[in-house]
Amino acid sequence: MAADQVKAAEEAVEQLRSGLAAVGITLPSLRIDPVSCSGDEPGNPLVELGRCNLATARRMVAVLEGVRS
């Protein structure tokens, strides 16, 4: 079960990376949080979107605004 959760999180990270790249956004630190996967039975792996600079943050806002329109 835990391995399935980690695999699902890895797939989600790759889908996010691909989707963001399609609209010109790169988050270099996008990854699964390793601490949330530690231990004998990791519950629900967390996805870290990571830190980004102001230009990237503004690009994400612009994309989200376009989606809401």
N, C-alpha and C. Protein backbone atom coordinates (compact mmCIF):
# COMPACT_ATOMS: atom_id res chain seq x y z
N MET A 1 0.82 -1.20 0.00
CA MET A 1 0.00 0.00 0.00
C MET A 1 0.86 1.26 0.00
N ALA A 2 1.87 1.30 0.87
CA ALA A 2 2.74 2.49 0.95
C ALA A 2 3.46 2.71 -0.37
N ALA A 3 3.93 1.63 -0.99
CA ALA A 3 4.64 1.76 -2.27
C ALA A 3 3.70 2.32 -3.33
N ASP A 4 2.43 1.93 -3.28
CA ASP A 4 1.45 2.45 -4.24
C ASP A 4 1.25 3.95 -4.05
N GLN A 5 1.22 4.39 -2.80
CA GLN A 5 1.05 5.81 -2.50
C GLN A 5 2.23 6.62 -3.03
N VAL A 6 3.43 6.11 -2.82
CA VAL A 6 4.63 6.82 -3.30
C VAL A 6 4.64 6.85 -4.82
N LYS A 7 4.28 5.74 -5.46
CA LYS A 7 4.23 5.70 -6.93
C LYS A 7 3.19 6.70 -7.45
N ALA A 8 2.04 6.77 -6.81
CA ALA A 8 1.01 7.73 -7.22
C ALA A 8 1.52 9.17 -7.07
N ALA A 9 2.24 9.43 -6.00
CA ALA A 9 2.81 10.77 -5.78
C ALA A 9 3.85 11.09 -6.84
N GLU A 10 4.68 10.11 -7.19
CA GLU A 10 5.69 10.32 -8.24
C GLU A 10 5.01 10.64 -9.57
N GLU A 11 3.94 9.93 -9.87
CA GLU A 11 3.20 10.18 -11.11
C GLU A 11 2.59 11.59 -11.09
N ALA A 12 2.05 11.99 -9.96
CA ALA A 12 1.46 13.33 -9.84
C ALA A 12 2.53 14.40 -10.05
N VAL A 13 3.71 14.20 -9.49
CA VAL A 13 4.80 15.16 -9.66
C VAL A 13 5.16 15.28 -11.14
N GLU A 14 5.25 14.16 -11.82
CA GLU A 14 5.60 14.20 -13.24
C GLU A 14 4.50 14.89 -14.06
N GLN A 15 3.23 14.64 -13.71
CA GLN A 15 2.13 15.30 -14.41
C GLN A 15 2.15 16.81 -14.15
N LEU A 16 2.42 17.19 -12.91
CA LEU A 16 2.53 18.61 -12.59
C LEU A 16 3.69 19.25 -13.36
N ARG A 17 4.84 18.59 -13.36
CA ARG A 17 6.01 19.12 -14.05
C ARG A 17 5.70 19.32 -15.53
N SER A 18 5.08 18.34 -16.14
CA SER A 18 4.74 18.40 -17.56
C SER A 18 3.71 19.49 -17.84
N GLY A 19 2.67 19.55 -17.03
CA GLY A 19 1.63 20.55 -17.21
C GLY A 19 2.14 21.96 -17.03
N LEU A 20 2.96 22.16 -16.03
CA LEU A 20 3.55 23.48 -15.80
C LEU A 20 4.48 23.86 -16.94
N ALA A 21 5.27 22.90 -17.40
CA ALA A 21 6.19 23.19 -18.51
C ALA A 21 5.42 23.59 -19.77
N ALA A 22 4.25 23.01 -19.96
CA ALA A 22 3.45 23.32 -21.14
C ALA A 22 2.99 24.78 -21.16
N VAL A 23 2.94 25.42 -19.99
CA VAL A 23 2.56 26.83 -19.95
C VAL A 23 3.75 27.71 -19.57
N GLY A 24 4.96 27.17 -19.74
CA GLY A 24 6.17 27.96 -19.56
C GLY A 24 6.63 28.14 -18.13
N ILE A 25 6.23 27.25 -17.24
CA ILE A 25 6.62 27.36 -15.84
C ILE A 25 7.49 26.18 -15.44
N THR A 26 8.61 26.49 -14.82
CA THR A 26 9.50 25.46 -14.30
C THR A 26 9.70 25.68 -12.81
N LEU A 27 9.40 24.67 -12.02
CA LEU A 27 9.67 24.69 -10.59
C LEU A 27 10.76 23.65 -10.33
N PRO A 28 12.01 24.09 -10.26
CA PRO A 28 13.12 23.15 -10.13
C PRO A 28 13.05 22.28 -8.88
N SER A 29 12.41 22.77 -7.84
CA SER A 29 12.38 22.00 -6.60
C SER A 29 11.08 21.21 -6.44
N LEU A 30 10.29 21.08 -7.49
CA LEU A 30 9.08 20.27 -7.45
C LEU A 30 9.48 18.82 -7.20
N ARG A 31 8.96 18.24 -6.11
CA ARG A 31 9.36 16.88 -5.76
C ARG A 31 8.44 16.33 -4.68
N ILE A 32 8.63 15.06 -4.41
CA ILE A 32 7.96 14.44 -3.26
C ILE A 32 8.77 14.78 -2.03
N ASP A 33 8.10 15.15 -0.96
CA ASP A 33 8.77 15.43 0.31
C ASP A 33 9.30 14.12 0.88
N PRO A 34 10.62 13.98 0.98
CA PRO A 34 11.19 12.71 1.44
C PRO A 34 10.80 12.35 2.88
N VAL A 35 10.59 13.34 3.73
CA VAL A 35 10.23 13.06 5.12
C VAL A 35 8.85 12.40 5.20
N SER A 36 7.95 12.82 4.33
CA SER A 36 6.61 12.24 4.36
C SER A 36 6.60 10.80 3.85
N CYS A 37 7.68 10.38 3.23
CA CYS A 37 7.79 9.00 2.72
C CYS A 37 8.66 8.13 3.62
N SER A 38 9.13 8.68 4.70
CA SER A 38 10.03 7.91 5.56
C SER A 38 9.24 7.04 6.53
N GLY A 39 9.95 6.18 7.17
CA GLY A 39 9.32 5.28 8.13
C GLY A 39 8.89 3.98 7.48
N ASP A 40 8.37 3.12 8.29
CA ASP A 40 7.96 1.81 7.79
C ASP A 40 6.71 1.87 6.93
N GLU A 41 5.78 2.75 7.28
CA GLU A 41 4.55 2.86 6.52
C GLU A 41 4.19 4.33 6.30
N PRO A 42 4.75 4.91 5.24
CA PRO A 42 4.39 6.31 4.97
C PRO A 42 2.91 6.42 4.66
N GLY A 43 2.26 7.38 5.28
CA GLY A 43 0.81 7.51 5.10
C GLY A 43 0.42 8.10 3.78
N ASN A 44 0.63 9.38 3.65
CA ASN A 44 0.20 10.09 2.46
C ASN A 44 1.34 11.01 2.04
N PRO A 45 2.13 10.62 1.03
CA PRO A 45 3.27 11.43 0.63
C PRO A 45 2.84 12.85 0.24
N LEU A 46 3.63 13.81 0.67
CA LEU A 46 3.37 15.20 0.34
C LEU A 46 4.17 15.60 -0.90
N VAL A 47 3.60 16.45 -1.72
CA VAL A 47 4.28 16.98 -2.89
C VAL A 47 4.69 18.41 -2.57
N GLU A 48 5.98 18.66 -2.66
CA GLU A 48 6.50 20.00 -2.45
C GLU A 48 6.53 20.74 -3.78
N LEU A 49 5.84 21.85 -3.82
CA LEU A 49 5.88 22.67 -5.03
C LEU A 49 7.14 23.51 -5.04
N GLY A 50 7.73 23.70 -3.89
CA GLY A 50 9.01 24.36 -3.82
C GLY A 50 8.93 25.87 -3.86
N ARG A 51 10.07 26.43 -3.76
CA ARG A 51 10.19 27.88 -3.77
C ARG A 51 10.40 28.34 -5.21
N CYS A 52 9.92 29.54 -5.50
CA CYS A 52 10.12 30.09 -6.84
C CYS A 52 10.38 31.58 -6.73
N ASN A 53 10.96 32.11 -7.79
CA ASN A 53 11.23 33.55 -7.79
C ASN A 53 9.97 34.33 -8.17
N LEU A 54 10.04 35.62 -8.08
CA LEU A 54 8.89 36.49 -8.33
C LEU A 54 8.36 36.33 -9.75
N ALA A 55 9.25 36.23 -10.71
CA ALA A 55 8.80 36.09 -12.11
C ALA A 55 7.99 34.81 -12.30
N THR A 56 8.43 33.73 -11.69
CA THR A 56 7.70 32.47 -11.80
C THR A 56 6.35 32.57 -11.09
N ALA A 57 6.33 33.19 -9.93
CA ALA A 57 5.08 33.37 -9.19
C ALA A 57 4.09 34.18 -10.02
N ARG A 58 4.57 35.23 -10.66
CA ARG A 58 3.69 36.05 -11.50
C ARG A 58 3.19 35.27 -12.71
N ARG A 59 4.04 34.44 -13.26
CA ARG A 59 3.63 33.61 -14.41
C ARG A 59 2.53 32.64 -13.98
N MET A 60 2.66 32.05 -12.81
CA MET A 60 1.63 31.14 -12.32
C MET A 60 0.31 31.87 -12.09
N VAL A 61 0.38 33.08 -11.55
CA VAL A 61 -0.82 33.88 -11.35
C VAL A 61 -1.49 34.17 -12.69
N ALA A 62 -0.70 34.53 -13.69
CA ALA A 62 -1.25 34.83 -15.01
C ALA A 62 -1.94 33.60 -15.62
N VAL A 63 -1.32 32.45 -15.46
CA VAL A 63 -1.92 31.23 -15.99
C VAL A 63 -3.22 30.92 -15.26
N LEU A 64 -3.22 31.04 -13.95
CA LEU A 64 -4.43 30.78 -13.18
C LEU A 64 -5.54 31.76 -13.52
N GLU A 65 -5.19 33.01 -13.73
CA GLU A 65 -6.19 34.00 -14.13
C GLU A 65 -6.79 33.64 -15.48
N GLY A 66 -5.96 33.15 -16.38
CA GLY A 66 -6.44 32.73 -17.69
C GLY A 66 -7.38 31.53 -17.59
N VAL A 67 -7.15 30.66 -16.65
CA VAL A 67 -7.99 29.50 -16.47
C VAL A 67 -9.35 29.92 -15.92
N ARG A 68 -9.35 30.89 -15.05
CA ARG A 68 -10.61 31.35 -14.42
C ARG A 68 -11.46 32.15 -15.39
N SER A 69 -10.86 32.72 -16.42
CA SER A 69 -11.61 33.58 -17.36
C SER A 69 -12.57 32.79 -18.22
